[in-house]
C-alpha atoms as a PDB file:
ATOM      1  CA  MET A   1     -86.894  89.836   3.593  1.00  0.00           C
ATOM      2  CA  ALA A   2     -87.922  89.703   7.262  1.00  0.00           C
ATOM      3  CA  LEU A   3     -91.087  91.663   6.515  1.00  0.00           C
ATOM      4  CA  GLY A   4     -91.937  89.365   3.618  1.00  0.00           C
ATOM      5  CA  ALA A   5     -91.505  86.288   5.798  1.00  0.00           C
ATOM      6  CA  LEU A   6     -93.679  87.795   8.513  1.00  0.00           C
ATOM      7  CA  LEU A   7     -96.455  88.627   6.035  1.00  0.00           C
ATOM      8  CA  ALA A   8     -96.311  85.154   4.530  1.00  0.00           C
ATOM      9  CA  THR A   9     -96.566  83.535   7.975  1.00  0.00           C
ATOM     10  CA  THR A  10     -99.466  85.773   8.952  1.00  0.00           C
ATOM     11  CA  LEU A  11    -101.303  84.982   5.717  1.00  0.00           C
ATOM     12  CA  THR A  12    -100.872  81.242   6.270  1.00  0.00           C
ATOM     13  CA  VAL A  13    -102.383  81.486   9.750  1.00  0.00           C
ATOM     14  CA  LEU A  14    -105.269  83.646   8.628  1.00  0.00           C
ATOM     15  CA  LEU A  15    -106.203  81.464   5.662  1.00  0.00           C
ATOM     16  CA  THR A  16    -106.881  78.542   8.012  1.00  0.00           C
ATOM     17  CA  GLY A  17    -109.142  80.487  10.351  1.00  0.00           C
ATOM     18  CA  CYS A  18    -112.818  80.878  11.214  1.00  0.00           C
ATOM     19  CA  GLY A  19    -114.179  77.520  10.135  1.00  0.00           C
ATOM     20  CA  GLY A  20    -112.627  77.299   6.700  1.00  0.00           C
ATOM     21  CA  ASP A  21    -113.172  80.850   5.472  1.00  0.00           C
ATOM     22  CA  SER A  22    -110.111  81.768   3.473  1.00  0.00           C
ATOM     23  CA  ALA A  23    -109.028  84.932   1.727  1.00  0.00           C
ATOM     24  CA  GLY A  24    -111.263  87.120   3.869  1.00  0.00           C
ATOM     25  CA  HIS A  25    -108.603  87.124   6.537  1.00  0.00           C
ATOM     26  CA  ALA A  26    -105.799  88.351   4.326  1.00  0.00           C
ATOM     27  CA  SER A  27    -106.680  91.888   5.332  1.00  0.00           C
ATOM     28  CA  ALA A  28    -106.356  91.154   9.046  1.00  0.00           C
ATOM     29  CA  HIS A  29    -102.689  91.616   9.815  1.00  0.00           C
ATOM     30  CA  SER A  30    -101.671  90.121  13.136  1.00  0.00           C
ATOM     31  CA  GLY A  31    -101.023  92.531  15.965  1.00  0.00           C
ATOM     32  CA  ALA A  32    -102.534  95.535  14.201  1.00  0.00           C
ATOM     33  CA  SER A  33    -104.728  98.058  15.986  1.00  0.00           C
ATOM     34  CA  ALA A  34    -108.223  98.709  14.684  1.00  0.00           C
ATOM     35  CA  SER A  35    -107.680 102.428  15.104  1.00  0.00           C
ATOM     36  CA  SER A  36    -104.503 102.389  13.056  1.00  0.00           C
ATOM     37  CA  SER A  37    -104.371 104.221   9.750  1.00  0.00           C
ATOM     38  CA  SER A  38    -102.091 101.571   8.261  1.00  0.00           C
ATOM     39  CA  HIS A  39    -103.259  99.332   5.421  1.00  0.00           C
ATOM     40  CA  GLY A  40    -103.762  95.597   5.337  1.00  0.00           C
ATOM     41  CA  MET A  41    -102.109  93.199   2.948  1.00  0.00           C
ATOM     42  CA  ASP A  42    -104.822  93.676   0.342  1.00  0.00           C
ATOM     43  CA  GLY A  43    -104.645  97.474   0.526  1.00  0.00           C
ATOM     44  CA  MET A  44    -107.774  97.854   2.652  1.00  0.00           C
ATOM     45  CA  SER A  45    -107.601 100.424   5.412  1.00  0.00           C
ATOM     46  CA  ASP A  46    -108.277  99.151   8.910  1.00  0.00           C
ATOM     47  CA  LYS A  47    -111.156 101.583   9.222  1.00  0.00           C
ATOM     48  CA  MET A  48    -113.143  99.379   6.841  1.00  0.00           C
ATOM     49  CA  MET A  49    -112.936  96.689   9.524  1.00  0.00           C
ATOM     50  CA  GLY A  50    -113.984  98.893  12.404  1.00  0.00           C
ATOM     51  CA  ASP A  51    -113.638 102.345  13.886  1.00  0.00           C
ATOM     52  CA  PRO A  52    -113.873 102.631  17.697  1.00  0.00           C
ATOM     53  CA  SER A  53    -114.749 106.330  17.392  1.00  0.00           C
ATOM     54  CA  ALA A  54    -117.608 105.861  14.901  1.00  0.00           C
ATOM     55  CA  THR A  55    -121.229 106.438  15.936  1.00  0.00           C
ATOM     56  CA  PRO A  56    -122.398 103.077  17.299  1.00  0.00           C
ATOM     57  CA  ALA A  57    -125.336 101.266  15.749  1.00  0.00           C
ATOM     58  CA  TYR A  58    -127.626 101.857  18.727  1.00  0.00           C
ATOM     59  CA  LYS A  59    -127.252 105.647  18.385  1.00  0.00           C
ATOM     60  CA  LEU A  60    -128.173 105.922  14.708  1.00  0.00           C
ATOM     61  CA  SER A  61    -131.334 107.918  14.081  1.00  0.00           C
ATOM     62  CA  GLY A  62    -133.891 106.653  11.589  1.00  0.00           C
ATOM     63  CA  ALA A  63    -132.541 103.100  11.734  1.00  0.00           C
ATOM     64  CA  THR A  64    -134.053  99.730  12.623  1.00  0.00           C
ATOM     65  CA  VAL A  65    -131.793  98.302  15.322  1.00  0.00           C
ATOM     66  CA  ALA A  66    -131.423  94.741  16.575  1.00  0.00           C
ATOM     67  CA  LYS A  67    -129.513  93.761  19.689  1.00  0.00           C
ATOM     68  CA  GLY A  68    -127.767  90.488  20.494  1.00  0.00           C
ATOM     69  CA  THR A  69    -126.086  89.203  23.635  1.00  0.00           C
ATOM     70  CA  PHE A  70    -122.882  87.229  23.208  1.00  0.00           C
ATOM     71  CA  THR A  71    -122.924  83.645  24.473  1.00  0.00           C
ATOM     72  CA  LEU A  72    -119.749  81.663  25.005  1.00  0.00           C
ATOM     73  CA  LEU A  73    -118.912  78.915  22.509  1.00  0.00           C
ATOM     74  CA  ASP A  74    -117.265  75.597  23.294  1.00  0.00           C
ATOM     75  CA  THR A  75    -114.549  76.418  20.752  1.00  0.00           C
ATOM     76  CA  ARG A  76    -113.237  79.316  22.857  1.00  0.00           C
ATOM     77  CA  PRO A  77    -109.559  79.187  23.848  1.00  0.00           C
ATOM     78  CA  PRO A  78    -108.474  78.860  27.492  1.00  0.00           C
ATOM     79  CA  GLY A  79    -108.851  81.971  29.603  1.00  0.00           C
ATOM     80  CA  MET A  80    -111.979  83.238  27.824  1.00  0.00           C
ATOM     81  CA  ASN A  81    -114.594  82.062  30.348  1.00  0.00           C
ATOM     82  CA  ASP A  82    -115.365  85.588  31.576  1.00  0.00           C
ATOM     83  CA  VAL A  83    -116.054  87.129  28.172  1.00  0.00           C
ATOM     84  CA  LYS A  84    -119.371  88.969  28.016  1.00  0.00           C
ATOM     85  CA  GLY A  85    -120.755  91.484  25.600  1.00  0.00           C
ATOM     86  CA  THR A  86    -123.386  92.879  23.303  1.00  0.00           C
ATOM     87  CA  ALA A  87    -123.699  93.427  19.575  1.00  0.00           C
ATOM     88  CA  TRP A  88    -126.027  95.767  17.684  1.00  0.00           C
ATOM     89  CA  LEU A  89    -126.964  95.738  14.007  1.00  0.00           C
ATOM     90  CA  ALA A  90    -128.699  98.771  12.506  1.00  0.00           C
ATOM     91  CA  GLN A  91    -130.300  99.109   9.109  1.00  0.00           C
ATOM     92  CA  GLY A  92    -130.614 102.727   8.091  1.00  0.00           C
ATOM     93  CA  PRO A  93    -130.112 105.244   5.292  1.00  0.00           C
ATOM     94  CA  LYS A  94    -126.376 104.485   5.187  1.00  0.00           C
ATOM     95  CA  GLY A  95    -126.822 100.710   4.960  1.00  0.00           C
ATOM     96  CA  THR A  96    -125.812  98.244   7.670  1.00  0.00           C
ATOM     97  CA  THR A  97    -123.941  99.316  10.791  1.00  0.00           C
ATOM     98  CA  VAL A  98    -122.617  96.752  13.279  1.00  0.00           C
ATOM     99  CA  THR A  99    -121.225  97.519  16.731  1.00  0.00           C
ATOM    100  CA  VAL A 100    -119.638  95.012  19.113  1.00  0.00           C
ATOM    101  CA  SER A 101    -118.723  95.627  22.748  1.00  0.00           C
ATOM    102  CA  LEU A 102    -117.087  92.988  24.941  1.00  0.00           C
ATOM    103  CA  THR A 103    -115.387  92.655  28.319  1.00  0.00           C
ATOM    104  CA  GLY A 104    -113.284  89.859  29.807  1.00  0.00           C
ATOM    105  CA  LEU A 105    -110.853  89.816  26.883  1.00  0.00           C
ATOM    106  CA  LYS A 106    -107.086  89.613  27.196  1.00  0.00           C
ATOM    107  CA  PRO A 107    -105.711  93.144  27.560  1.00  0.00           C
ATOM    108  CA  ASP A 108    -103.955  94.572  24.507  1.00  0.00           C
ATOM    109  CA  HIS A 109    -104.869  91.563  22.349  1.00  0.00           C
ATOM    110  CA  VAL A 110    -106.326  91.938  18.848  1.00  0.00           C
ATOM    111  CA  TYR A 111    -109.697  90.372  18.071  1.00  0.00           C
ATOM    112  CA  MET A 112    -111.771  89.877  14.940  1.00  0.00           C
ATOM    113  CA  ALA A 113    -115.524  89.607  14.533  1.00  0.00           C
ATOM    114  CA  HIS A 114    -117.487  88.701  11.440  1.00  0.00           C
ATOM    115  CA  LEU A 115    -121.132  88.673  10.480  1.00  0.00           C
ATOM    116  CA  HIS A 116    -122.177  85.043  10.006  1.00  0.00           C
ATOM    117  CA  ALA A 117    -124.937  83.518   7.917  1.00  0.00           C
ATOM    118  CA  GLN A 118    -126.550  81.200  10.482  1.00  0.00           C
ATOM    119  CA  HIS A 119    -127.824  81.356  14.039  1.00  0.00           C
ATOM    120  CA  CYS A 120    -125.389  80.706  16.875  1.00  0.00           C
ATOM    121  CA  SER A 121    -127.092  77.366  17.616  1.00  0.00           C
ATOM    122  CA  ASP A 122    -126.470  76.238  14.038  1.00  0.00           C
ATOM    123  CA  GLY A 123    -122.790  75.353  13.741  1.00  0.00           C
ATOM    124  CA  ASN A 124    -121.697  78.288  15.928  1.00  0.00           C
ATOM    125  CA  GLY A 125    -122.913  80.704  13.285  1.00  0.00           C
ATOM    126  CA  GLY A 126    -121.812  78.711  10.259  1.00  0.00           C
ATOM    127  CA  SER A 127    -119.844  80.456   7.539  1.00  0.00           C
ATOM    128  CA  HIS A 128    -119.419  84.176   6.971  1.00  0.00           C
ATOM    129  CA  PHE A 129    -122.409  86.107   5.701  1.00  0.00           C
ATOM    130  CA  GLN A 130    -121.840  87.347   2.145  1.00  0.00           C
ATOM    131  CA  PHE A 131    -123.936  89.888   0.284  1.00  0.00           C
ATOM    132  CA  ASP A 132    -123.040  88.101  -2.957  1.00  0.00           C
ATOM    133  CA  LYS A 133    -122.792  84.440  -2.022  1.00  0.00           C
ATOM    134  CA  GLY A 134    -119.675  82.842  -3.442  1.00  0.00           C
ATOM    135  CA  GLY A 135    -118.111  86.243  -4.075  1.00  0.00           C
ATOM    136  CA  ALA A 136    -115.165  87.982  -2.467  1.00  0.00           C
ATOM    137  CA  THR A 137    -114.359  86.975   1.118  1.00  0.00           C
ATOM    138  CA  THR A 138    -113.297  90.500   2.041  1.00  0.00           C
ATOM    139  CA  PRO A 139    -115.266  93.690   2.722  1.00  0.00           C
ATOM    140  CA  PRO A 140    -117.451  95.065   1.299  1.00  0.00           C
ATOM    141  CA  ASN A 141    -118.891  91.650   0.364  1.00  0.00           C
ATOM    142  CA  GLU A 142    -118.468  90.559   3.987  1.00  0.00           C
ATOM    143  CA  ILE A 143    -118.668  92.501   7.243  1.00  0.00           C
ATOM    144  CA  HIS A 144    -115.499  92.289   9.330  1.00  0.00           C
ATOM    145  CA  LEU A 145    -114.635  94.066  12.575  1.00  0.00           C
ATOM    146  CA  MET A 146    -111.127  94.275  14.040  1.00  0.00           C
ATOM    147  CA  PHE A 147    -110.440  95.756  17.460  1.00  0.00           C
ATOM    148  CA  THR A 148    -107.890  95.747  20.265  1.00  0.00           C
ATOM    149  CA  ALA A 149    -108.869  95.154  23.886  1.00  0.00           C
ATOM    150  CA  ASP A 150    -107.768  97.889  26.258  1.00  0.00           C
ATOM    151  CA  LYS A 151    -105.833  97.338  29.487  1.00  0.00           C
ATOM    152  CA  SER A 152    -109.035  96.376  31.316  1.00  0.00           C
ATOM    153  CA  GLY A 153    -109.930  93.729  28.704  1.00  0.00           C
ATOM    154  CA  MET A 154    -112.711  95.771  27.099  1.00  0.00           C
ATOM    155  CA  GLY A 155    -113.056  96.098  23.338  1.00  0.00           C
ATOM    156  CA  MET A 156    -115.545  97.985  21.205  1.00  0.00           C
ATOM    157  CA  THR A 157    -115.768  99.001  17.553  1.00  0.00           C
ATOM    158  CA  THR A 158    -118.245  99.850  14.803  1.00  0.00           C
ATOM    159  CA  VAL A 159    -118.293  99.278  11.047  1.00  0.00           C
ATOM    160  CA  THR A 160    -120.731 100.346   8.322  1.00  0.00           C
ATOM    161  CA  ASN A 161    -121.475  98.696   4.987  1.00  0.00           C
ATOM    162  CA  SER A 162    -123.502 100.501   2.333  1.00  0.00           C
ATOM    163  CA  ARG A 163    -125.713  97.449   1.740  1.00  0.00           C
ATOM    164  CA  LYS A 164    -128.447  96.146   4.047  1.00  0.00           C
ATOM    165  CA  THR A 165    -128.723  92.804   5.802  1.00  0.00           C
ATOM    166  CA  GLY A 166    -130.719  91.720   8.797  1.00  0.00           C
ATOM    167  CA  LYS A 167    -130.854  87.993   9.542  1.00  0.00           C
ATOM    168  CA  ASP A 168    -127.447  87.192  10.879  1.00  0.00           C
ATOM    169  CA  ALA A 169    -125.230  86.464  13.868  1.00  0.00           C
ATOM    170  CA  VAL A 170    -121.855  87.914  14.775  1.00  0.00           C
ATOM    171  CA  VAL A 171    -118.945  85.756  15.947  1.00  0.00           C
ATOM    172  CA  VAL A 172    -115.793  86.970  17.703  1.00  0.00           C
ATOM    173  CA  HIS A 173    -112.443  85.214  18.003  1.00  0.00           C
ATOM    174  CA  PRO A 174    -108.757  85.968  18.601  1.00  0.00           C
ATOM    175  CA  ASN A 175    -107.108  87.454  15.540  1.00  0.00           C
ATOM    176  CA  GLU A 176    -104.231  84.996  15.732  1.00  0.00           C
ATOM    177  CA  ALA A 177    -106.437  81.883  16.179  1.00  0.00           C
ATOM    178  CA  GLN A 178    -109.560  82.359  14.134  1.00  0.00           C
ATOM    179  CA  ASP A 179    -110.789  78.760  14.436  1.00  0.00           C
ATOM    180  CA  ASN A 180    -111.147  79.397  18.168  1.00  0.00           C
ATOM    181  CA  ARG A 181    -114.511  81.147  18.129  1.00  0.00           C
ATOM    182  CA  ILE A 182    -115.014  82.757  21.524  1.00  0.00           C
ATOM    183  CA  ALA A 183    -118.617  83.929  21.494  1.00  0.00           C
ATOM    184  CA  CYS A 184    -121.606  84.414  19.223  1.00  0.00           C
ATOM    185  CA  ALA A 185    -124.579  86.787  19.279  1.00  0.00           C
ATOM    186  CA  ASP A 186    -127.837  86.401  17.352  1.00  0.00           C
ATOM    187  CA  PHE A 187    -129.663  89.511  16.172  1.00  0.00           C
ATOM    188  CA  ASP A 188    -133.350  89.681  17.058  1.00  0.00           C
ATOM    189  CA  PHE A 189    -135.244  92.051  14.768  1.00  0.00           C
ATOM    190  CA  ARG A 190    -138.465  91.758  16.739  1.00  0.00           C
ATOM    191  CA  ARG A 191    -137.242  94.758  18.737  1.00  0.00           C
ATOM    192  CA  ARG A 192    -136.904  97.913  16.683  1.00  0.00           C
ATOM    193  CA  ARG A 193    -135.013 100.099  19.141  1.00  0.00           C
ATOM    194  CA  PRO A 194    -133.022  98.380  21.902  1.00  0.00           C
ATOM    195  CA  ASP A 195    -131.907 100.281  24.939  1.00  0.00           C
ATOM    196  CA  PRO A 196    -128.378 101.697  24.749  1.00  0.00           C
ATOM    197  CA  PRO A 197    -125.739 100.319  27.156  1.00  0.00           C
ATOM    198  CA  CYS A 198    -126.475 101.040  30.850  1.00  0.00           C
ATOM    199  CA  ALA A 199    -129.829 102.638  30.024  1.00  0.00           C
ATOM    200  CA  ARG A 200    -131.649 100.749  32.751  1.00  0.00           C
ATOM    201  CA  ALA A 201    -128.878 101.152  35.321  1.00  0.00           C
ATOM    202  CA  CYS A 202    -128.425 104.853  34.684  1.00  0.00           C
ATOM    203  CA  CYS A 203    -132.093 105.912  34.741  1.00  0.00           C
END
């Protein structure tokens, strides 16, 4: 009974999140770790929403890669003023791979990111990008990433979808408050191969 009540409460919170998007959040169970092998409420494994150990988008060979820098949004919750990060989107033989990497997050907190259909300057990214518009609001029709910030406030994860897309933004927000969009990054496909993290500093 307690578990059922908890799941019902979590579902209610998630259905109100991220600017009106609904059932897509049913798979994001509050407090879960992205590296967990447990399953969400709809039976999806967490790995479908991100794998921190997966090959990041900027390291994929034979792929067209776009890089975006996260900018803070005015909808961010208190305490998120130091959030910085980068996102990469690669189109390659395996489809679309998205990687997000952020710092300045609350340690040990769970975050969600989604591919969005508009630029960051247009309604903070607008609604979720969907391969089949009006279809399912869960992967694989949408691209979701779930991750947990480490003790230093850094979070990073990667997810791959077998279909290709390339004109989107990615938005990140707390898992428990998905209307509170923290930051958004636009993908710029004018650059085919962005530098990997620290490339300039390390060379």
